[in-house]
Amino acid sequence: MQSTIQALAEPRRREILELICDHEMSAGDIASGFDVTRPAISQHLGVLKEAGLVTERREGTKRFYRARPEGLKELREFLEGFWTFALDQLKREAEIEERKKRGSKN
C-alpha cells in the first residue's frame, strides 16, 4: 500500500491514471498531453507500473499503458475501514441523542 500512496502523491501521476482509466494509450500519446519531457513521463509510468497501478503492453517498439483499478484495492479497503468506523460512530451518537430525547419526554 505504501508504494500506491507514494505513486498517487504526485499530481501528474494521478492525471496520467485519469487519462488511461478507460482506454489503453501509448507512452508517446500520454506524453503529448503534458508539458514535460517524454523521459519524465516514462519515469512516472514506471512508478505507476511498479506500484501495480498500470499494465504495460509492448507492440514492436511501442509501449501501451492502461490503468489497473484493482491496484487500488488495498488502499480502497483501508480507506473504507475509516468510512465504516465513522458511520458506526455517527450512528451510535445519533442513537444516544434519540434516547436522551425520549428520556426527557417521559
PDB file of N, CA and C in Angstrom:
ATOM      1  N   MET A   1       0.831  -1.191   0.000  1.00  0.00           N
ATOM      2  CA  MET A   1       0.000   0.000   0.000  1.00  0.00           C
ATOM      3  C   MET A   1       0.880   1.260   0.000  1.00  0.00           C
ATOM      4  N   GLN A   2       2.050   1.174   0.614  1.00  0.00           N
ATOM      5  CA  GLN A   2       2.940   2.330   0.675  1.00  0.00           C
ATOM      6  C   GLN A   2       3.337   2.807  -0.721  1.00  0.00           C
ATOM      7  N   SER A   3       3.648   1.875  -1.615  1.00  0.00           N
ATOM      8  CA  SER A   3       4.041   2.273  -2.972  1.00  0.00           C
ATOM      9  C   SER A   3       2.869   2.908  -3.718  1.00  0.00           C
ATOM     10  N   THR A   4       1.658   2.451  -3.436  1.00  0.00           N
ATOM     11  CA  THR A   4       0.465   3.035  -4.058  1.00  0.00           C
ATOM     12  C   THR A   4       0.295   4.482  -3.604  1.00  0.00           C
ATOM     13  N   ILE A   5       0.417   4.708  -2.310  1.00  0.00           N
ATOM     14  CA  ILE A   5       0.263   6.063  -1.765  1.00  0.00           C
ATOM     15  C   ILE A   5       1.338   6.988  -2.327  1.00  0.00           C
ATOM     16  N   GLN A   6       2.571   6.498  -2.363  1.00  0.00           N
ATOM     17  CA  GLN A   6       3.660   7.319  -2.892  1.00  0.00           C
ATOM     18  C   GLN A   6       3.452   7.627  -4.373  1.00  0.00           C
ATOM     19  N   ALA A   7       2.978   6.648  -5.129  1.00  0.00           N
ATOM     20  CA  ALA A   7       2.737   6.876  -6.555  1.00  0.00           C
ATOM     21  C   ALA A   7       1.633   7.908  -6.761  1.00  0.00           C
ATOM     22  N   LEU A   8       0.597   7.840  -5.947  1.00  0.00           N
ATOM     23  CA  LEU A   8      -0.534   8.757  -6.095  1.00  0.00           C
ATOM     24  C   LEU A   8      -0.272  10.139  -5.509  1.00  0.00           C
ATOM     25  N   ALA A   9       0.785  10.276  -4.733  1.00  0.00           N
ATOM     26  CA  ALA A   9       1.104  11.572  -4.124  1.00  0.00           C
ATOM     27  C   ALA A   9       1.494  12.611  -5.169  1.00  0.00           C
ATOM     28  N   GLU A  10       1.992  12.170  -6.283  1.00  0.00           N
ATOM     29  CA  GLU A  10       2.407  13.068  -7.361  1.00  0.00           C
ATOM     30  C   GLU A  10       1.203  13.392  -8.248  1.00  0.00           C
ATOM     31  N   PRO A  11       0.805  14.655  -8.327  1.00  0.00           N
ATOM     32  CA  PRO A  11      -0.385  15.038  -9.118  1.00  0.00           C
ATOM     33  C   PRO A  11      -0.320  14.603 -10.580  1.00  0.00           C
ATOM     34  N   ARG A  12       0.850  14.673 -11.184  1.00  0.00           N
ATOM     35  CA  ARG A  12       0.958  14.301 -12.603  1.00  0.00           C
ATOM     36  C   ARG A  12       0.638  12.818 -12.788  1.00  0.00           C
ATOM     37  N   ARG A  13       1.018  11.987 -11.833  1.00  0.00           N
ATOM     38  CA  ARG A  13       0.712  10.560 -11.941  1.00  0.00           C
ATOM     39  C   ARG A  13      -0.790  10.323 -11.845  1.00  0.00           C
ATOM     40  N   ARG A  14      -1.448  11.091 -11.008  1.00  0.00           N
ATOM     41  CA  ARG A  14      -2.915  10.963 -10.932  1.00  0.00           C
ATOM     42  C   ARG A  14      -3.542  11.381 -12.254  1.00  0.00           C
ATOM     43  N   GLU A  15      -3.003  12.409 -12.865  1.00  0.00           N
ATOM     44  CA  GLU A  15      -3.509  12.850 -14.168  1.00  0.00           C
ATOM     45  C   GLU A  15      -3.309  11.754 -15.218  1.00  0.00           C
ATOM     46  N   ILE A  16      -2.161  11.104 -15.182  1.00  0.00           N
ATOM     47  CA  ILE A  16      -1.894  10.020 -16.127  1.00  0.00           C
ATOM     48  C   ILE A  16      -2.910   8.904 -15.927  1.00  0.00           C
ATOM     49  N   LEU A  17      -3.161   8.536 -14.673  1.00  0.00           N
ATOM     50  CA  LEU A  17      -4.142   7.482 -14.401  1.00  0.00           C
ATOM     51  C   LEU A  17      -5.520   7.852 -14.931  1.00  0.00           C
ATOM     52  N   GLU A  18      -5.915   9.096 -14.739  1.00  0.00           N
ATOM     53  CA  GLU A  18      -7.213   9.540 -15.251  1.00  0.00           C
ATOM     54  C   GLU A  18      -7.250   9.428 -16.778  1.00  0.00           C
ATOM     55  N   LEU A  19      -6.143   9.747 -17.401  1.00  0.00           N
ATOM     56  CA  LEU A  19      -6.053   9.721 -18.857  1.00  0.00           C
ATOM     57  C   LEU A  19      -6.216   8.311 -19.411  1.00  0.00           C
ATOM     58  N   ILE A  20      -5.705   7.322 -18.698  1.00  0.00           N
ATOM     59  CA  ILE A  20      -5.718   5.948 -19.211  1.00  0.00           C
ATOM     60  C   ILE A  20      -6.682   5.044 -18.443  1.00  0.00           C
ATOM     61  N   CYS A  21      -7.604   5.634 -17.718  1.00  0.00           N
ATOM     62  CA  CYS A  21      -8.522   4.801 -16.923  1.00  0.00           C
ATOM     63  C   CYS A  21      -9.525   4.064 -17.801  1.00  0.00           C
ATOM     64  N   ASP A  22      -9.912   4.616 -18.933  1.00  0.00           N
ATOM     65  CA  ASP A  22     -10.922   3.990 -19.783  1.00  0.00           C
ATOM     66  C   ASP A  22     -10.366   3.274 -21.000  1.00  0.00           C
ATOM     67  N   HIS A  23      -9.146   3.612 -21.369  1.00  0.00           N
ATOM     68  CA  HIS A  23      -8.588   3.012 -22.580  1.00  0.00           C
ATOM     69  C   HIS A  23      -7.060   3.017 -22.534  1.00  0.00           C
ATOM     70  N   GLU A  24      -6.505   2.139 -23.300  1.00  0.00           N
ATOM     71  CA  GLU A  24      -5.061   1.998 -23.412  1.00  0.00           C
ATOM     72  C   GLU A  24      -4.495   3.115 -24.282  1.00  0.00           C
ATOM     73  N   MET A  25      -3.325   3.605 -23.902  1.00  0.00           N
ATOM     74  CA  MET A  25      -2.657   4.643 -24.693  1.00  0.00           C
ATOM     75  C   MET A  25      -1.170   4.334 -24.768  1.00  0.00           C
ATOM     76  N   SER A  26      -0.561   4.772 -25.854  1.00  0.00           N
ATOM     77  CA  SER A  26       0.886   4.617 -25.981  1.00  0.00           C
ATOM     78  C   SER A  26       1.579   5.642 -25.088  1.00  0.00           C
ATOM     79  N   ALA A  27       2.815   5.342 -24.721  1.00  0.00           N
ATOM     80  CA  ALA A  27       3.584   6.264 -23.895  1.00  0.00           C
ATOM     81  C   ALA A  27       3.723   7.613 -24.598  1.00  0.00           C
ATOM     82  N   GLY A  28       3.928   7.584 -25.903  1.00  0.00           N
ATOM     83  CA  GLY A  28       4.062   8.828 -26.666  1.00  0.00           C
ATOM     84  C   GLY A  28       2.793   9.667 -26.633  1.00  0.00           C
ATOM     85  N   ASP A  29       1.634   9.013 -26.776  1.00  0.00           N
ATOM     86  CA  ASP A  29       0.360   9.738 -26.724  1.00  0.00           C
ATOM     87  C   ASP A  29       0.123  10.318 -25.331  1.00  0.00           C
ATOM     88  N   ILE A  30       0.496   9.563 -24.318  1.00  0.00           N
ATOM     89  CA  ILE A  30       0.364  10.071 -22.941  1.00  0.00           C
ATOM     90  C   ILE A  30       1.250  11.295 -22.775  1.00  0.00           C
ATOM     91  N   ALA A  31       2.504  11.186 -23.199  1.00  0.00           N
ATOM     92  CA  ALA A  31       3.463  12.282 -23.037  1.00  0.00           C
ATOM     93  C   ALA A  31       3.028  13.534 -23.779  1.00  0.00           C
ATOM     94  N   SER A  32       2.345  13.360 -24.919  1.00  0.00           N
ATOM     95  CA  SER A  32       1.940  14.530 -25.711  1.00  0.00           C
ATOM     96  C   SER A  32       0.926  15.413 -24.979  1.00  0.00           C
ATOM     97  N   GLY A  33       0.300  14.887 -23.942  1.00  0.00           N
ATOM     98  CA  GLY A  33      -0.670  15.672 -23.187  1.00  0.00           C
ATOM     99  C   GLY A  33      -0.074  16.454 -22.026  1.00  0.00           C
ATOM    100  N   PHE A  34       1.255  16.418 -21.892  1.00  0.00           N
ATOM    101  CA  PHE A  34       1.906  17.073 -20.765  1.00  0.00           C
ATOM    102  C   PHE A  34       3.046  17.974 -21.237  1.00  0.00           C
ATOM    103  N   ASP A  35       3.333  18.983 -20.441  1.00  0.00           N
ATOM    104  CA  ASP A  35       4.409  19.922 -20.756  1.00  0.00           C
ATOM    105  C   ASP A  35       5.718  19.504 -20.096  1.00  0.00           C
ATOM    106  N   VAL A  36       6.026  18.223 -20.160  1.00  0.00           N
ATOM    107  CA  VAL A  36       7.291  17.714 -19.643  1.00  0.00           C
ATOM    108  C   VAL A  36       7.880  16.775 -20.690  1.00  0.00           C
ATOM    109  N   THR A  37       9.095  16.378 -20.478  1.00  0.00           N
ATOM    110  CA  THR A  37       9.765  15.516 -21.454  1.00  0.00           C
ATOM    111  C   THR A  37       9.176  14.106 -21.436  1.00  0.00           C
ATOM    112  N   ARG A  38       9.364  13.414 -22.540  1.00  0.00           N
ATOM    113  CA  ARG A  38       8.917  12.017 -22.611  1.00  0.00           C
ATOM    114  C   ARG A  38       9.618  11.150 -21.573  1.00  0.00           C
ATOM    115  N   PRO A  39      10.934  11.347 -21.362  1.00  0.00           N
ATOM    116  CA  PRO A  39      11.580  10.547 -20.314  1.00  0.00           C
ATOM    117  C   PRO A  39      10.956  10.770 -18.931  1.00  0.00           C
ATOM    118  N   ALA A  40      10.508  11.989 -18.657  1.00  0.00           N
ATOM    119  CA  ALA A  40       9.852  12.260 -17.372  1.00  0.00           C
ATOM    120  C   ALA A  40       8.551  11.475 -17.266  1.00  0.00           C
ATOM    121  N   ILE A  41       7.777  11.448 -18.354  1.00  0.00           N
ATOM    122  CA  ILE A  41       6.523  10.681 -18.358  1.00  0.00           C
ATOM    123  C   ILE A  41       6.821   9.196 -18.238  1.00  0.00           C
ATOM    124  N   SER A  42       7.867   8.733 -18.915  1.00  0.00           N
ATOM    125  CA  SER A  42       8.258   7.325 -18.805  1.00  0.00           C
ATOM    126  C   SER A  42       8.612   6.974 -17.368  1.00  0.00           C
ATOM    127  N   GLN A  43       9.270   7.893 -16.691  1.00  0.00           N
ATOM    128  CA  GLN A  43       9.615   7.663 -15.288  1.00  0.00           C
ATOM    129  C   GLN A  43       8.343   7.571 -14.440  1.00  0.00           C
ATOM    130  N   HIS A  44       7.390   8.465 -14.673  1.00  0.00           N
ATOM    131  CA  HIS A  44       6.111   8.418 -13.945  1.00  0.00           C
ATOM    132  C   HIS A  44       5.392   7.103 -14.227  1.00  0.00           C
ATOM    133  N   LEU A  45       5.387   6.678 -15.474  1.00  0.00           N
ATOM    134  CA  LEU A  45       4.734   5.416 -15.833  1.00  0.00           C
ATOM    135  C   LEU A  45       5.426   4.233 -15.141  1.00  0.00           C
ATOM    136  N   GLY A  46       6.738   4.309 -15.017  1.00  0.00           N
ATOM    137  CA  GLY A  46       7.473   3.258 -14.323  1.00  0.00           C
ATOM    138  C   GLY A  46       7.086   3.162 -12.857  1.00  0.00           C
ATOM    139  N   VAL A  47       6.907   4.309 -12.220  1.00  0.00           N
ATOM    140  CA  VAL A  47       6.485   4.326 -10.811  1.00  0.00           C
ATOM    141  C   VAL A  47       5.077   3.745 -10.685  1.00  0.00           C
ATOM    142  N   LEU A  48       4.197   4.135 -11.584  1.00  0.00           N
ATOM    143  CA  LEU A  48       2.822   3.615 -11.561  1.00  0.00           C
ATOM    144  C   LEU A  48       2.797   2.111 -11.806  1.00  0.00           C
ATOM    145  N   LYS A  49       3.641   1.659 -12.721  1.00  0.00           N
ATOM    146  CA  LYS A  49       3.718   0.228 -13.008  1.00  0.00           C
ATOM    147  C   LYS A  49       4.258  -0.532 -11.801  1.00  0.00           C
ATOM    148  N   GLU A  50       5.310  -0.018 -11.194  1.00  0.00           N
ATOM    149  CA  GLU A  50       5.917  -0.646 -10.015  1.00  0.00           C
ATOM    150  C   GLU A  50       4.910  -0.755  -8.865  1.00  0.00           C
ATOM    151  N   ALA A  51       4.028   0.234  -8.749  1.00  0.00           N
ATOM    152  CA  ALA A  51       3.004   0.239  -7.696  1.00  0.00           C
ATOM    153  C   ALA A  51       1.816  -0.651  -8.058  1.00  0.00           C
ATOM    154  N   GLY A  52       1.808  -1.207  -9.267  1.00  0.00           N
ATOM    155  CA  GLY A  52       0.707  -2.072  -9.687  1.00  0.00           C
ATOM    156  C   GLY A  52      -0.524  -1.322 -10.143  1.00  0.00           C
ATOM    157  N   LEU A  53      -0.346  -0.045 -10.494  1.00  0.00           N
ATOM    158  CA  LEU A  53      -1.486   0.790 -10.877  1.00  0.00           C
ATOM    159  C   LEU A  53      -1.724   0.843 -12.384  1.00  0.00           C
ATOM    160  N   VAL A  54      -0.754   0.391 -13.171  1.00  0.00           N
ATOM    161  CA  VAL A  54      -0.925   0.330 -14.626  1.00  0.00           C
ATOM    162  C   VAL A  54      -0.349  -0.978 -15.153  1.00  0.00           C
ATOM    163  N   THR A  55      -0.858  -1.376 -16.305  1.00  0.00           N
ATOM    164  CA  THR A  55      -0.266  -2.502 -17.022  1.00  0.00           C
ATOM    165  C   THR A  55       0.446  -1.946 -18.243  1.00  0.00           C
ATOM    166  N   GLU A  56       1.429  -2.681 -18.685  1.00  0.00           N
ATOM    167  CA  GLU A  56       2.201  -2.272 -19.851  1.00  0.00           C
ATOM    168  C   GLU A  56       2.154  -3.406 -20.875  1.00  0.00           C
ATOM    169  N   ARG A  57       1.906  -3.022 -22.127  1.00  0.00           N
ATOM    170  CA  ARG A  57       1.910  -3.988 -23.225  1.00  0.00           C
ATOM    171  C   ARG A  57       2.824  -3.453 -24.305  1.00  0.00           C
ATOM    172  N   ARG A  58       3.690  -4.314 -24.786  1.00  0.00           N
ATOM    173  CA  ARG A  58       4.617  -3.908 -25.853  1.00  0.00           C
ATOM    174  C   ARG A  58       4.120  -4.412 -27.206  1.00  0.00           C
ATOM    175  N   GLU A  59       4.245  -3.530 -28.162  1.00  0.00           N
ATOM    176  CA  GLU A  59       3.909  -3.877 -29.551  1.00  0.00           C
ATOM    177  C   GLU A  59       4.999  -3.268 -30.421  1.00  0.00           C
ATOM    178  N   GLY A  60       5.927  -4.108 -30.850  1.00  0.00           N
ATOM    179  CA  GLY A  60       7.084  -3.585 -31.571  1.00  0.00           C
ATOM    180  C   GLY A  60       7.904  -2.723 -30.641  1.00  0.00           C
ATOM    181  N   THR A  61       8.133  -1.493 -31.058  1.00  0.00           N
ATOM    182  CA  THR A  61       8.913  -0.579 -30.221  1.00  0.00           C
ATOM    183  C   THR A  61       8.033   0.290 -29.328  1.00  0.00           C
ATOM    184  N   LYS A  62       6.724   0.174 -29.477  1.00  0.00           N
ATOM    185  CA  LYS A  62       5.805   0.990 -28.686  1.00  0.00           C
ATOM    186  C   LYS A  62       5.411   0.280 -27.399  1.00  0.00           C
ATOM    187  N   ARG A  63       5.134   1.088 -26.407  1.00  0.00           N
ATOM    188  CA  ARG A  63       4.614   0.576 -25.136  1.00  0.00           C
ATOM    189  C   ARG A  63       3.252   1.212 -24.900  1.00  0.00           C
ATOM    190  N   PHE A  64       2.300   0.380 -24.539  1.00  0.00           N
ATOM    191  CA  PHE A  64       0.940   0.838 -24.292  1.00  0.00           C
ATOM    192  C   PHE A  64       0.607   0.624 -22.817  1.00  0.00           C
ATOM    193  N   TYR A  65      -0.091   1.592 -22.250  1.00  0.00           N
ATOM    194  CA  TYR A  65      -0.419   1.546 -20.829  1.00  0.00           C
ATOM    195  C   TYR A  65      -1.918   1.658 -20.620  1.00  0.00           C
ATOM    196  N   ARG A  66      -2.365   0.999 -19.587  1.00  0.00           N
ATOM    197  CA  ARG A  66      -3.775   1.046 -19.183  1.00  0.00           C
ATOM    198  C   ARG A  66      -3.805   1.042 -17.658  1.00  0.00           C
ATOM    199  N   ALA A  67      -4.741   1.809 -17.107  1.00  0.00           N
ATOM    200  CA  ALA A  67      -4.897   1.833 -15.649  1.00  0.00           C
ATOM    201  C   ALA A  67      -5.360   0.469 -15.157  1.00  0.00           C
ATOM    202  N   ARG A  68      -4.959   0.121 -13.979  1.00  0.00           N
ATOM    203  CA  ARG A  68      -5.301  -1.154 -13.356  1.00  0.00           C
ATOM    204  C   ARG A  68      -6.031  -0.853 -12.049  1.00  0.00           C
ATOM    205  N   PRO A  69      -7.360  -0.689 -12.096  1.00  0.00           N
ATOM    206  CA  PRO A  69      -8.115  -0.300 -10.903  1.00  0.00           C
ATOM    207  C   PRO A  69      -7.917  -1.251  -9.726  1.00  0.00           C
ATOM    208  N   GLU A  70      -7.708  -2.536 -10.005  1.00  0.00           N
ATOM    209  CA  GLU A  70      -7.523  -3.485  -8.907  1.00  0.00           C
ATOM    210  C   GLU A  70      -6.250  -3.177  -8.110  1.00  0.00           C
ATOM    211  N   GLY A  71      -5.357  -2.385  -8.674  1.00  0.00           N
ATOM    212  CA  GLY A  71      -4.156  -1.962  -7.957  1.00  0.00           C
ATOM    213  C   GLY A  71      -4.465  -1.055  -6.780  1.00  0.00           C
ATOM    214  N   LEU A  72      -5.669  -0.496  -6.782  1.00  0.00           N
ATOM    215  CA  LEU A  72      -6.091   0.390  -5.688  1.00  0.00           C
ATOM    216  C   LEU A  72      -6.866  -0.345  -4.594  1.00  0.00           C
ATOM    217  N   LYS A  73      -7.056  -1.646  -4.761  1.00  0.00           N
ATOM    218  CA  LYS A  73      -7.920  -2.410  -3.853  1.00  0.00           C
ATOM    219  C   LYS A  73      -7.506  -2.286  -2.386  1.00  0.00           C
ATOM    220  N   GLU A  74      -6.226  -2.519  -2.096  1.00  0.00           N
ATOM    221  CA  GLU A  74      -5.770  -2.487  -0.703  1.00  0.00           C
ATOM    222  C   GLU A  74      -5.967  -1.098  -0.090  1.00  0.00           C
ATOM    223  N   LEU A  75      -5.630  -0.053  -0.837  1.00  0.00           N
ATOM    224  CA  LEU A  75      -5.808   1.311  -0.344  1.00  0.00           C
ATOM    225  C   LEU A  75      -7.288   1.619  -0.155  1.00  0.00           C
ATOM    226  N   ARG A  76      -8.112   1.213  -1.110  1.00  0.00           N
ATOM    227  CA  ARG A  76      -9.554   1.454  -1.005  1.00  0.00           C
ATOM    228  C   ARG A  76     -10.130   0.776   0.233  1.00  0.00           C
ATOM    229  N   GLU A  77      -9.740  -0.475   0.472  1.00  0.00           N
ATOM    230  CA  GLU A  77     -10.230  -1.197   1.647  1.00  0.00           C
ATOM    231  C   GLU A  77      -9.794  -0.513   2.936  1.00  0.00           C
ATOM    232  N   PHE A  78      -8.576  -0.022   2.960  1.00  0.00           N
ATOM    233  CA  PHE A  78      -8.062   0.699   4.120  1.00  0.00           C
ATOM    234  C   PHE A  78      -8.903   1.948   4.387  1.00  0.00           C
ATOM    235  N   LEU A  79      -9.153   2.731   3.337  1.00  0.00           N
ATOM    236  CA  LEU A  79      -9.937   3.963   3.487  1.00  0.00           C
ATOM    237  C   LEU A  79     -11.395   3.672   3.828  1.00  0.00           C
ATOM    238  N   GLU A  80     -11.947   2.618   3.239  1.00  0.00           N
ATOM    239  CA  GLU A  80     -13.331   2.253   3.542  1.00  0.00           C
ATOM    240  C   GLU A  80     -13.491   1.866   5.013  1.00  0.00           C
ATOM    241  N   GLY A  81     -12.440   1.309   5.592  1.00  0.00           N
ATOM    242  CA  GLY A  81     -12.477   0.974   7.017  1.00  0.00           C
ATOM    243  C   GLY A  81     -12.701   2.214   7.869  1.00  0.00           C
ATOM    244  N   PHE A  82     -12.064   3.320   7.500  1.00  0.00           N
ATOM    245  CA  PHE A  82     -12.274   4.570   8.222  1.00  0.00           C
ATOM    246  C   PHE A  82     -13.696   5.078   8.017  1.00  0.00           C
ATOM    247  N   TRP A  83     -14.209   4.970   6.801  1.00  0.00           N
ATOM    248  CA  TRP A  83     -15.565   5.420   6.488  1.00  0.00           C
ATOM    249  C   TRP A  83     -16.573   4.621   7.300  1.00  0.00           C
ATOM    250  N   THR A  84     -16.388   3.305   7.343  1.00  0.00           N
ATOM    251  CA  THR A  84     -17.293   2.443   8.100  1.00  0.00           C
ATOM    252  C   THR A  84     -17.246   2.801   9.578  1.00  0.00           C
ATOM    253  N   PHE A  85     -16.054   3.013  10.106  1.00  0.00           N
ATOM    254  CA  PHE A  85     -15.899   3.388  11.516  1.00  0.00           C
ATOM    255  C   PHE A  85     -16.622   4.708  11.789  1.00  0.00           C
ATOM    256  N   ALA A  86     -16.451   5.689  10.901  1.00  0.00           N
ATOM    257  CA  ALA A  86     -17.086   6.995  11.091  1.00  0.00           C
ATOM    258  C   ALA A  86     -18.609   6.874  11.061  1.00  0.00           C
ATOM    259  N   LEU A  87     -19.129   6.063  10.141  1.00  0.00           N
ATOM    260  CA  LEU A  87     -20.581   5.880  10.068  1.00  0.00           C
ATOM    261  C   LEU A  87     -21.107   5.171  11.316  1.00  0.00           C
ATOM    262  N   ASP A  88     -20.386   4.159  11.792  1.00  0.00           N
ATOM    263  CA  ASP A  88     -20.793   3.464  13.014  1.00  0.00           C
ATOM    264  C   ASP A  88     -20.794   4.411  14.203  1.00  0.00           C
ATOM    265  N   GLN A  89     -19.776   5.255  14.282  1.00  0.00           N
ATOM    266  CA  GLN A  89     -19.687   6.218  15.375  1.00  0.00           C
ATOM    267  C   GLN A  89     -20.833   7.228  15.292  1.00  0.00           C
ATOM    268  N   LEU A  90     -21.147   7.703  14.113  1.00  0.00           N
ATOM    269  CA  LEU A  90     -22.246   8.641  13.919  1.00  0.00           C
ATOM    270  C   LEU A  90     -23.569   7.992  14.312  1.00  0.00           C
ATOM    271  N   LYS A  91     -23.753   6.741  13.948  1.00  0.00           N
ATOM    272  CA  LYS A  91     -24.981   6.016  14.298  1.00  0.00           C
ATOM    273  C   LYS A  91     -25.118   5.902  15.814  1.00  0.00           C
ATOM    274  N   ARG A  92     -24.022   5.537  16.496  1.00  0.00           N
ATOM    275  CA  ARG A  92     -24.062   5.428  17.960  1.00  0.00           C
ATOM    276  C   ARG A  92     -24.430   6.760  18.607  1.00  0.00           C
ATOM    277  N   GLU A  93     -23.830   7.829  18.129  1.00  0.00           N
ATOM    278  CA  GLU A  93     -24.121   9.148  18.691  1.00  0.00           C
ATOM    279  C   GLU A  93     -25.568   9.556  18.438  1.00  0.00           C
ATOM    280  N   ALA A  94     -26.096   9.251  17.258  1.00  0.00           N
ATOM    281  CA  ALA A  94     -27.495   9.563  16.953  1.00  0.00           C
ATOM    282  C   ALA A  94     -28.429   8.761  17.853  1.00  0.00           C
ATOM    283  N   GLU A  95     -28.094   7.495  18.114  1.00  0.00           N
ATOM    284  CA  GLU A  95     -28.920   6.669  18.993  1.00  0.00           C
ATOM    285  C   GLU A  95     -28.898   7.179  20.426  1.00  0.00           C
ATOM    286  N   ILE A  96     -27.746   7.652  20.877  1.00  0.00           N
ATOM    287  CA  ILE A  96     -27.643   8.232  22.224  1.00  0.00           C
ATOM    288  C   ILE A  96     -28.514   9.473  22.317  1.00  0.00           C
ATOM    289  N   GLU A  97     -28.450  10.332  21.314  1.00  0.00           N
ATOM    290  CA  GLU A  97     -29.270  11.554  21.299  1.00  0.00           C
ATOM    291  C   GLU A  97     -30.752  11.209  21.296  1.00  0.00           C
ATOM    292  N   GLU A  98     -31.115  10.203  20.518  1.00  0.00           N
ATOM    293  CA  GLU A  98     -32.520   9.787  20.456  1.00  0.00           C
ATOM    294  C   GLU A  98     -32.997   9.286  21.812  1.00  0.00           C
ATOM    295  N   ARG A  99     -32.173   8.504  22.492  1.00  0.00           N
ATOM    296  CA  ARG A  99     -32.539   8.018  23.831  1.00  0.00           C
ATOM    297  C   ARG A  99     -32.677   9.169  24.810  1.00  0.00           C
ATOM    298  N   LYS A 100     -31.799  10.169  24.695  1.00  0.00           N
ATOM    299  CA  LYS A 100     -31.864  11.348  25.571  1.00  0.00           C
ATOM    300  C   LYS A 100     -33.182  12.091  25.340  1.00  0.00           C
ATOM    301  N   LYS A 101     -33.584  12.241  24.086  1.00  0.00           N
ATOM    302  CA  LYS A 101     -34.837  12.927  23.760  1.00  0.00           C
ATOM    303  C   LYS A 101     -36.028  12.168  24.322  1.00  0.00           C
ATOM    304  N   ARG A 102     -36.027  10.875  24.174  1.00  0.00           N
ATOM    305  CA  ARG A 102     -37.122  10.059  24.701  1.00  0.00           C
ATOM    306  C   ARG A 102     -37.175  10.131  26.219  1.00  0.00           C
ATOM    307  N   GLY A 103     -36.009  10.123  26.850  1.00  0.00           N
ATOM    308  CA  GLY A 103     -35.933  10.184  28.307  1.00  0.00           C
ATOM    309  C   GLY A 103     -36.452  11.503  28.853  1.00  0.00           C
ATOM    310  N   SER A 104     -36.246  12.589  28.132  1.00  0.00           N
ATOM    311  CA  SER A 104     -36.692  13.904  28.620  1.00  0.00           C
ATOM    312  C   SER A 104     -38.185  14.112  28.396  1.00  0.00           C
ATOM    313  N   LYS A 105     -38.821  13.303  27.535  1.00  0.00           N
ATOM    314  CA  LYS A 105     -40.249  13.426  27.264  1.00  0.00           C
ATOM    315  C   LYS A 105     -41.076  12.655  28.294  1.00  0.00           C
ATOM    316  N   ASN A 106     -40.459  11.737  29.011  1.00  0.00           N
ATOM    317  CA  ASN A 106     -41.203  10.915  29.986  1.00  0.00           C
ATOM    318  C   ASN A 106     -41.336  11.595  31.287  1.00  0.00           C
TER     319      ASN A 106
END
